[in-house]
PDB file of N, CA and C in Angstrom:
ATOM      1  N   MET A   1       0.564  28.864  -4.903  1.00  0.00           N
ATOM      2  CA  MET A   1       1.835  29.459  -5.354  1.00  0.00           C
ATOM      3  C   MET A   1       1.851  29.641  -6.822  1.00  0.00           C
ATOM      4  N   ILE A   2       2.296  30.756  -7.265  1.00  0.00           N
ATOM      5  CA  ILE A   2       2.459  31.064  -8.653  1.00  0.00           C
ATOM      6  C   ILE A   2       3.871  31.004  -9.095  1.00  0.00           C
ATOM      7  N   ILE A   3       4.250  30.279 -10.189  1.00  0.00           N
ATOM      8  CA  ILE A   3       5.650  30.106 -10.587  1.00  0.00           C
ATOM      9  C   ILE A   3       5.666  30.461 -12.038  1.00  0.00           C
ATOM     10  N   ARG A   4       6.807  30.929 -12.497  1.00  0.00           N
ATOM     11  CA  ARG A   4       7.069  31.048 -13.973  1.00  0.00           C
ATOM     12  C   ARG A   4       7.868  29.907 -14.500  1.00  0.00           C
ATOM     13  N   VAL A   5       7.448  29.404 -15.621  1.00  0.00           N
ATOM     14  CA  VAL A   5       8.076  28.206 -16.190  1.00  0.00           C
ATOM     15  C   VAL A   5       8.473  28.497 -17.675  1.00  0.00           C
ATOM     16  N   ARG A   6       9.696  28.044 -17.968  1.00  0.00           N
ATOM     17  CA  ARG A   6      10.112  28.101 -19.389  1.00  0.00           C
ATOM     18  C   ARG A   6      10.181  26.592 -19.769  1.00  0.00           C
ATOM     19  N   VAL A   7       9.337  26.336 -20.748  1.00  0.00           N
ATOM     20  CA  VAL A   7       9.183  24.898 -21.249  1.00  0.00           C
ATOM     21  C   VAL A   7      10.060  24.601 -22.557  1.00  0.00           C
ATOM     22  N   ILE A   8      10.681  23.450 -22.475  1.00  0.00           N
ATOM     23  CA  ILE A   8      11.517  22.973 -23.540  1.00  0.00           C
ATOM     24  C   ILE A   8      10.790  21.700 -24.054  1.00  0.00           C
ATOM     25  N   PRO A   9      10.082  21.725 -25.075  1.00  0.00           N
ATOM     26  CA  PRO A   9       9.363  20.546 -25.613  1.00  0.00           C
ATOM     27  C   PRO A   9      10.302  19.611 -26.356  1.00  0.00           C
ATOM     28  N   ASN A  10       9.696  18.324 -26.639  1.00  0.00           N
ATOM     29  CA  ASN A  10      10.396  17.373 -27.420  1.00  0.00           C
ATOM     30  C   ASN A  10      11.638  16.752 -26.827  1.00  0.00           C
ATOM     31  N   ALA A  11      11.590  16.821 -25.423  1.00  0.00           N
ATOM     32  CA  ALA A  11      12.773  16.210 -24.708  1.00  0.00           C
ATOM     33  C   ALA A  11      12.636  14.685 -24.684  1.00  0.00           C
ATOM     34  N   VAL A  12      13.693  13.924 -24.418  1.00  0.00           N
ATOM     35  CA  VAL A  12      13.673  12.502 -24.268  1.00  0.00           C
ATOM     36  C   VAL A  12      12.838  12.123 -23.030  1.00  0.00           C
ATOM     37  N   ARG A  13      12.962  12.882 -21.862  1.00  0.00           N
ATOM     38  CA  ARG A  13      12.142  12.624 -20.774  1.00  0.00           C
ATOM     39  C   ARG A  13      11.767  13.975 -20.050  1.00  0.00           C
ATOM     40  N   SER A  14      10.769  13.889 -19.324  1.00  0.00           N
ATOM     41  CA  SER A  14      10.329  15.220 -18.663  1.00  0.00           C
ATOM     42  C   SER A  14      11.148  15.317 -17.371  1.00  0.00           C
ATOM     43  N   GLU A  15      11.646  16.524 -17.155  1.00  0.00           N
ATOM     44  CA  GLU A  15      12.573  16.789 -15.969  1.00  0.00           C
ATOM     45  C   GLU A  15      12.623  18.305 -15.758  1.00  0.00           C
ATOM     46  N   VAL A  16      12.994  18.634 -14.567  1.00  0.00           N
ATOM     47  CA  VAL A  16      13.311  20.061 -14.194  1.00  0.00           C
ATOM     48  C   VAL A  16      14.801  20.185 -14.494  1.00  0.00           C
ATOM     49  N   VAL A  17      15.109  21.222 -15.293  1.00  0.00           N
ATOM     50  CA  VAL A  17      16.497  21.365 -15.733  1.00  0.00           C
ATOM     51  C   VAL A  17      17.230  22.282 -14.684  1.00  0.00           C
ATOM     52  N   GLY A  18      16.485  23.328 -14.145  1.00  0.00           N
ATOM     53  CA  GLY A  18      17.050  24.259 -13.203  1.00  0.00           C
ATOM     54  C   GLY A  18      16.270  25.487 -13.121  1.00  0.00           C
ATOM     55  N   ARG A  19      16.890  26.541 -12.571  1.00  0.00           N
ATOM     56  CA  ARG A  19      16.153  27.839 -12.382  1.00  0.00           C
ATOM     57  C   ARG A  19      17.150  28.895 -12.913  1.00  0.00           C
ATOM     58  N   ILE A  20      16.479  29.823 -13.473  1.00  0.00           N
ATOM     59  CA  ILE A  20      17.227  31.170 -13.930  1.00  0.00           C
ATOM     60  C   ILE A  20      16.392  32.193 -13.153  1.00  0.00           C
ATOM     61  N   GLY A  21      16.929  32.694 -12.064  1.00  0.00           N
ATOM     62  CA  GLY A  21      16.264  33.699 -11.353  1.00  0.00           C
ATOM     63  C   GLY A  21      15.063  32.947 -10.730  1.00  0.00           C
ATOM     64  N   SER A  22      13.902  33.526 -11.030  1.00  0.00           N
ATOM     65  CA  SER A  22      12.737  32.951 -10.491  1.00  0.00           C
ATOM     66  C   SER A  22      11.908  32.078 -11.556  1.00  0.00           C
ATOM     67  N   THR A  23      12.598  31.860 -12.638  1.00  0.00           N
ATOM     68  CA  THR A  23      11.854  31.088 -13.652  1.00  0.00           C
ATOM     69  C   THR A  23      12.467  29.687 -13.704  1.00  0.00           C
ATOM     70  N   VAL A  24      11.552  28.647 -13.575  1.00  0.00           N
ATOM     71  CA  VAL A  24      11.957  27.262 -13.505  1.00  0.00           C
ATOM     72  C   VAL A  24      11.948  26.743 -15.016  1.00  0.00           C
ATOM     73  N   ARG A  25      13.122  26.066 -15.430  1.00  0.00           N
ATOM     74  CA  ARG A  25      13.191  25.515 -16.731  1.00  0.00           C
ATOM     75  C   ARG A  25      12.818  23.985 -16.616  1.00  0.00           C
ATOM     76  N   VAL A  26      11.891  23.638 -17.521  1.00  0.00           N
ATOM     77  CA  VAL A  26      11.380  22.251 -17.492  1.00  0.00           C
ATOM     78  C   VAL A  26      11.403  21.671 -18.889  1.00  0.00           C
ATOM     79  N   LYS A  27      12.010  20.508 -19.057  1.00  0.00           N
ATOM     80  CA  LYS A  27      11.979  19.787 -20.311  1.00  0.00           C
ATOM     81  C   LYS A  27      10.770  18.888 -20.217  1.00  0.00           C
ATOM     82  N   VAL A  28       9.979  18.756 -21.337  1.00  0.00           N
ATOM     83  CA  VAL A  28       8.783  17.886 -21.394  1.00  0.00           C
ATOM     84  C   VAL A  28       8.967  16.904 -22.609  1.00  0.00           C
ATOM     85  N   ALA A  29       8.549  15.671 -22.310  1.00  0.00           N
ATOM     86  CA  ALA A  29       8.689  14.654 -23.387  1.00  0.00           C
ATOM     87  C   ALA A  29       7.315  14.625 -24.210  1.00  0.00           C
ATOM     88  N   ALA A  30       7.134  15.720 -24.813  1.00  0.00           N
ATOM     89  CA  ALA A  30       5.883  15.780 -25.647  1.00  0.00           C
ATOM     90  C   ALA A  30       6.090  17.050 -26.658  1.00  0.00           C
ATOM     91  N   PRO A  31       5.591  16.878 -27.816  1.00  0.00           N
ATOM     92  CA  PRO A  31       5.657  17.978 -28.853  1.00  0.00           C
ATOM     93  C   PRO A  31       4.757  19.128 -28.433  1.00  0.00           C
ATOM     94  N   ALA A  32       5.104  20.265 -28.973  1.00  0.00           N
ATOM     95  CA  ALA A  32       4.306  21.439 -28.738  1.00  0.00           C
ATOM     96  C   ALA A  32       3.195  21.524 -29.717  1.00  0.00           C
ATOM     97  N   ILE A  33       2.317  20.509 -29.857  1.00  0.00           N
ATOM     98  CA  ILE A  33       1.319  20.422 -30.843  1.00  0.00           C
ATOM     99  C   ILE A  33       0.028  20.025 -30.148  1.00  0.00           C
ATOM    100  N   ASP A  34      -1.079  20.681 -30.454  1.00  0.00           N
ATOM    101  CA  ASP A  34      -2.353  20.316 -29.956  1.00  0.00           C
ATOM    102  C   ASP A  34      -2.466  20.273 -28.350  1.00  0.00           C
ATOM    103  N   GLY A  35      -1.671  21.117 -27.736  1.00  0.00           N
ATOM    104  CA  GLY A  35      -1.715  21.174 -26.229  1.00  0.00           C
ATOM    105  C   GLY A  35      -1.070  19.950 -25.576  1.00  0.00           C
ATOM    106  N   LYS A  36      -0.303  19.159 -26.333  1.00  0.00           N
ATOM    107  CA  LYS A  36       0.391  17.966 -25.723  1.00  0.00           C
ATOM    108  C   LYS A  36       1.449  18.344 -24.706  1.00  0.00           C
ATOM    109  N   ALA A  37       2.222  19.366 -25.018  1.00  0.00           N
ATOM    110  CA  ALA A  37       3.302  19.774 -24.114  1.00  0.00           C
ATOM    111  C   ALA A  37       2.642  20.411 -22.835  1.00  0.00           C
ATOM    112  N   ASN A  38       1.522  21.115 -23.049  1.00  0.00           N
ATOM    113  CA  ASN A  38       0.899  21.687 -21.834  1.00  0.00           C
ATOM    114  C   ASN A  38       0.399  20.557 -20.877  1.00  0.00           C
ATOM    115  N   ALA A  39      -0.272  19.519 -21.471  1.00  0.00           N
ATOM    116  CA  ALA A  39      -0.812  18.458 -20.718  1.00  0.00           C
ATOM    117  C   ALA A  39       0.304  17.751 -20.009  1.00  0.00           C
ATOM    118  N   GLU A  40       1.476  17.489 -20.721  1.00  0.00           N
ATOM    119  CA  GLU A  40       2.619  16.838 -20.127  1.00  0.00           C
ATOM    120  C   GLU A  40       3.216  17.672 -19.009  1.00  0.00           C
ATOM    121  N   LEU A  41       3.286  18.998 -19.265  1.00  0.00           N
ATOM    122  CA  LEU A  41       3.849  19.858 -18.221  1.00  0.00           C
ATOM    123  C   LEU A  41       3.016  19.868 -16.951  1.00  0.00           C
ATOM    124  N   THR A  42       1.753  20.013 -17.018  1.00  0.00           N
ATOM    125  CA  THR A  42       0.833  19.979 -15.887  1.00  0.00           C
ATOM    126  C   THR A  42       0.885  18.608 -15.056  1.00  0.00           C
ATOM    127  N   ASN A  43       0.924  17.511 -15.860  1.00  0.00           N
ATOM    128  CA  ASN A  43       1.052  16.208 -15.247  1.00  0.00           C
ATOM    129  C   ASN A  43       2.403  16.035 -14.460  1.00  0.00           C
ATOM    130  N   PHE A  44       3.511  16.593 -15.192  1.00  0.00           N
ATOM    131  CA  PHE A  44       4.849  16.426 -14.654  1.00  0.00           C
ATOM    132  C   PHE A  44       4.955  17.258 -13.375  1.00  0.00           C
ATOM    133  N   LEU A  45       4.493  18.509 -13.383  1.00  0.00           N
ATOM    134  CA  LEU A  45       4.583  19.409 -12.243  1.00  0.00           C
ATOM    135  C   LEU A  45       3.637  18.903 -11.086  1.00  0.00           C
ATOM    136  N   ALA A  46       2.548  18.335 -11.386  1.00  0.00           N
ATOM    137  CA  ALA A  46       1.817  17.691 -10.331  1.00  0.00           C
ATOM    138  C   ALA A  46       2.446  16.712  -9.619  1.00  0.00           C
ATOM    139  N   GLU A  47       3.215  15.773 -10.363  1.00  0.00           N
ATOM    140  CA  GLU A  47       3.967  14.730  -9.741  1.00  0.00           C
ATOM    141  C   GLU A  47       5.208  15.311  -8.948  1.00  0.00           C
ATOM    142  N   PHE A  48       5.812  16.299  -9.649  1.00  0.00           N
ATOM    143  CA  PHE A  48       7.059  16.928  -9.006  1.00  0.00           C
ATOM    144  C   PHE A  48       6.710  17.541  -7.632  1.00  0.00           C
ATOM    145  N   PHE A  49       5.581  18.256  -7.581  1.00  0.00           N
ATOM    146  CA  PHE A  49       5.191  18.966  -6.380  1.00  0.00           C
ATOM    147  C   PHE A  49       4.349  17.982  -5.537  1.00  0.00           C
ATOM    148  N   GLU A  50       4.072  16.901  -5.879  1.00  0.00           N
ATOM    149  CA  GLU A  50       3.212  15.846  -5.179  1.00  0.00           C
ATOM    150  C   GLU A  50       1.896  16.434  -4.832  1.00  0.00           C
ATOM    151  N   VAL A  51       1.203  16.873  -5.836  1.00  0.00           N
ATOM    152  CA  VAL A  51      -0.182  17.330  -5.753  1.00  0.00           C
ATOM    153  C   VAL A  51      -0.967  16.668  -6.774  1.00  0.00           C
ATOM    154  N   LYS A  52      -2.397  16.843  -6.745  1.00  0.00           N
ATOM    155  CA  LYS A  52      -3.189  16.236  -7.800  1.00  0.00           C
ATOM    156  C   LYS A  52      -3.120  17.009  -9.057  1.00  0.00           C
ATOM    157  N   ASN A  53      -3.376  16.333 -10.204  1.00  0.00           N
ATOM    158  CA  ASN A  53      -3.324  16.987 -11.493  1.00  0.00           C
ATOM    159  C   ASN A  53      -4.211  18.332 -11.560  1.00  0.00           C
ATOM    160  N   ARG A  54      -5.381  18.247 -10.947  1.00  0.00           N
ATOM    161  CA  ARG A  54      -6.259  19.400 -10.983  1.00  0.00           C
ATOM    162  C   ARG A  54      -5.754  20.571 -10.207  1.00  0.00           C
ATOM    163  N   SER A  55      -4.710  20.416  -9.438  1.00  0.00           N
ATOM    164  CA  SER A  55      -4.049  21.467  -8.562  1.00  0.00           C
ATOM    165  C   SER A  55      -3.001  22.301  -9.331  1.00  0.00           C
ATOM    166  N   VAL A  56      -2.755  21.834 -10.576  1.00  0.00           N
ATOM    167  CA  VAL A  56      -1.801  22.621 -11.379  1.00  0.00           C
ATOM    168  C   VAL A  56      -2.553  23.240 -12.520  1.00  0.00           C
ATOM    169  N   LYS A  57      -2.477  24.585 -12.708  1.00  0.00           N
ATOM    170  CA  LYS A  57      -3.145  25.323 -13.718  1.00  0.00           C
ATOM    171  C   LYS A  57      -2.251  26.212 -14.477  1.00  0.00           C
ATOM    172  N   ILE A  58      -2.302  26.207 -15.848  1.00  0.00           N
ATOM    173  CA  ILE A  58      -1.538  27.269 -16.523  1.00  0.00           C
ATOM    174  C   ILE A  58      -2.390  28.521 -16.605  1.00  0.00           C
ATOM    175  N   VAL A  59      -1.948  29.529 -15.953  1.00  0.00           N
ATOM    176  CA  VAL A  59      -2.674  30.889 -15.849  1.00  0.00           C
ATOM    177  C   VAL A  59      -2.520  31.765 -17.074  1.00  0.00           C
ATOM    178  N   ARG A  60      -1.241  31.648 -17.596  1.00  0.00           N
ATOM    179  CA  ARG A  60      -0.912  32.574 -18.640  1.00  0.00           C
ATOM    180  C   ARG A  60       0.144  31.875 -19.559  1.00  0.00           C
ATOM    181  N   GLY A  61       0.052  32.037 -20.823  1.00  0.00           N
ATOM    182  CA  GLY A  61       1.099  31.568 -21.690  1.00  0.00           C
ATOM    183  C   GLY A  61       0.849  30.258 -22.293  1.00  0.00           C
ATOM    184  N   GLU A  62      -0.364  29.825 -22.523  1.00  0.00           N
ATOM    185  CA  GLU A  62      -0.589  28.472 -23.027  1.00  0.00           C
ATOM    186  C   GLU A  62      -0.078  28.209 -24.449  1.00  0.00           C
ATOM    187  N   LYS A  63       0.125  29.200 -25.196  1.00  0.00           N
ATOM    188  CA  LYS A  63       0.634  29.074 -26.586  1.00  0.00           C
ATOM    189  C   LYS A  63       2.066  29.375 -26.678  1.00  0.00           C
ATOM    190  N   GLY A  64       2.791  29.785 -25.579  1.00  0.00           N
ATOM    191  CA  GLY A  64       4.122  30.224 -25.712  1.00  0.00           C
ATOM    192  C   GLY A  64       5.049  29.319 -24.761  1.00  0.00           C
ATOM    193  N   LYS A  65       6.332  29.526 -24.835  1.00  0.00           N
ATOM    194  CA  LYS A  65       7.236  28.673 -24.071  1.00  0.00           C
ATOM    195  C   LYS A  65       7.295  29.223 -22.591  1.00  0.00           C
ATOM    196  N   GLU A  66       7.096  30.519 -22.443  1.00  0.00           N
ATOM    197  CA  GLU A  66       7.106  31.159 -21.092  1.00  0.00           C
ATOM    198  C   GLU A  66       5.677  31.031 -20.510  1.00  0.00           C
ATOM    199  N   LYS A  67       5.489  30.351 -19.337  1.00  0.00           N
ATOM    200  CA  LYS A  67       4.236  30.188 -18.822  1.00  0.00           C
ATOM    201  C   LYS A  67       4.198  30.577 -17.376  1.00  0.00           C
ATOM    202  N   THR A  68       2.976  31.039 -16.910  1.00  0.00           N
ATOM    203  CA  THR A  68       2.729  31.305 -15.517  1.00  0.00           C
ATOM    204  C   THR A  68       1.805  30.225 -15.045  1.00  0.00           C
ATOM    205  N   VAL A  69       2.266  29.454 -14.029  1.00  0.00           N
ATOM    206  CA  VAL A  69       1.585  28.375 -13.492  1.00  0.00           C
ATOM    207  C   VAL A  69       1.214  28.526 -12.119  1.00  0.00           C
ATOM    208  N   GLU A  70      -0.054  28.147 -11.763  1.00  0.00           N
ATOM    209  CA  GLU A  70      -0.485  28.175 -10.350  1.00  0.00           C
ATOM    210  C   GLU A  70      -0.554  26.814  -9.752  1.00  0.00           C
ATOM    211  N   ILE A  71       0.017  26.562  -8.593  1.00  0.00           N
ATOM    212  CA  ILE A  71       0.084  25.273  -7.948  1.00  0.00           C
ATOM    213  C   ILE A  71      -0.564  25.413  -6.635  1.00  0.00           C
ATOM    214  N   SER A  72      -1.608  24.564  -6.385  1.00  0.00           N
ATOM    215  CA  SER A  72      -2.246  24.521  -5.153  1.00  0.00           C
ATOM    216  C   SER A  72      -2.269  23.135  -4.623  1.00  0.00           C
ATOM    217  N   GLY A  73      -2.956  22.893  -3.433  1.00  0.00           N
ATOM    218  CA  GLY A  73      -3.077  21.514  -2.934  1.00  0.00           C
ATOM    219  C   GLY A  73      -2.136  21.172  -1.869  1.00  0.00           C
ATOM    220  N   ARG A  74      -1.220  22.192  -1.530  1.00  0.00           N
ATOM    221  CA  ARG A  74      -0.218  22.026  -0.403  1.00  0.00           C
ATOM    222  C   ARG A  74      -0.058  23.359   0.270  1.00  0.00           C
ATOM    223  N   THR A  75       0.508  23.374   1.328  1.00  0.00           N
ATOM    224  CA  THR A  75       0.707  24.693   1.985  1.00  0.00           C
ATOM    225  C   THR A  75       1.807  25.444   1.197  1.00  0.00           C
ATOM    226  N   GLU A  76       1.808  26.785   1.210  1.00  0.00           N
ATOM    227  CA  GLU A  76       2.848  27.579   0.628  1.00  0.00           C
ATOM    228  C   GLU A  76       4.188  27.231   1.036  1.00  0.00           C
ATOM    229  N   GLU A  77       4.350  26.896   2.348  1.00  0.00           N
ATOM    230  CA  GLU A  77       5.670  26.437   2.911  1.00  0.00           C
ATOM    231  C   GLU A  77       6.180  25.112   2.295  1.00  0.00           C
ATOM    232  N   GLU A  78       5.210  24.221   2.196  1.00  0.00           N
ATOM    233  CA  GLU A  78       5.716  22.882   1.554  1.00  0.00           C
ATOM    234  C   GLU A  78       6.063  23.108   0.072  1.00  0.00           C
ATOM    235  N   LEU A  79       5.348  23.888  -0.645  1.00  0.00           N
ATOM    236  CA  LEU A  79       5.651  24.144  -2.059  1.00  0.00           C
ATOM    237  C   LEU A  79       7.015  24.920  -2.204  1.00  0.00           C
ATOM    238  N   GLU A  80       7.256  25.764  -1.336  1.00  0.00           N
ATOM    239  CA  GLU A  80       8.477  26.578  -1.215  1.00  0.00           C
ATOM    240  C   GLU A  80       9.611  25.660  -1.004  1.00  0.00           C
ATOM    241  N   ASP A  81       9.375  24.659  -0.020  1.00  0.00           N
ATOM    242  CA  ASP A  81      10.537  23.703   0.251  1.00  0.00           C
ATOM    243  C   ASP A  81      10.921  22.818  -0.969  1.00  0.00           C
ATOM    244  N   VAL A  82       9.825  22.476  -1.775  1.00  0.00           N
ATOM    245  CA  VAL A  82      10.114  21.762  -3.002  1.00  0.00           C
ATOM    246  C   VAL A  82      10.906  22.643  -4.077  1.00  0.00           C
ATOM    247  N   MET A  83      10.466  23.887  -4.144  1.00  0.00           N
ATOM    248  CA  MET A  83      11.179  24.901  -5.036  1.00  0.00           C
ATOM    249  C   MET A  83      12.686  24.966  -4.588  1.00  0.00           C
ATOM    250  N   GLU A  84      12.956  24.953  -3.355  1.00  0.00           N
ATOM    251  CA  GLU A  84      14.381  25.008  -2.871  1.00  0.00           C
ATOM    252  C   GLU A  84      15.254  23.858  -3.365  1.00  0.00           C
ATOM    253  N   THR A  85      14.599  22.793  -3.667  1.00  0.00           N
ATOM    254  CA  THR A  85      15.420  21.569  -4.215  1.00  0.00           C
ATOM    255  C   THR A  85      15.916  21.779  -5.587  1.00  0.00           C
ATOM    256  N   ILE A  86      15.317  22.735  -6.271  1.00  0.00           N
ATOM    257  CA  ILE A  86      15.747  23.024  -7.731  1.00  0.00           C
ATOM    258  C   ILE A  86      17.000  23.802  -7.710  1.00  0.00           C
ATOM    259  N   PRO A  87      18.057  23.240  -8.331  1.00  0.00           N
ATOM    260  CA  PRO A  87      19.380  24.028  -8.412  1.00  0.00           C
ATOM    261  C   PRO A  87      19.393  25.329  -9.230  1.00  0.00           C
TER     262      PRO A  87
END
C-alpha cells in the first residue's frame, strides 16, 4: 500500500494526528536532522501498521515534510482496515 504522509518533527511523542483527504499527518519525536525524523517515522509506522521495520519504505520526499511511503508485510485489506481507524 502506498500512502502520503505529512511529517511534523520535534513532537513530544510520535503519534498519528489525523488525515486530510488522503494524506496522513504524523508527529514524530525526533528532529529533522541527519535522517532522524525519517528513521522515527518508519519505526513508528511499522509499529502502527503492525509490520516489520523493513516493510516500511520512504519512496519519495526523504528531505521534505511531504512523503510517499510504501507499506508491505500485510494484505492490502488489513492495511486499509488500519487506515480506516485514523480520524
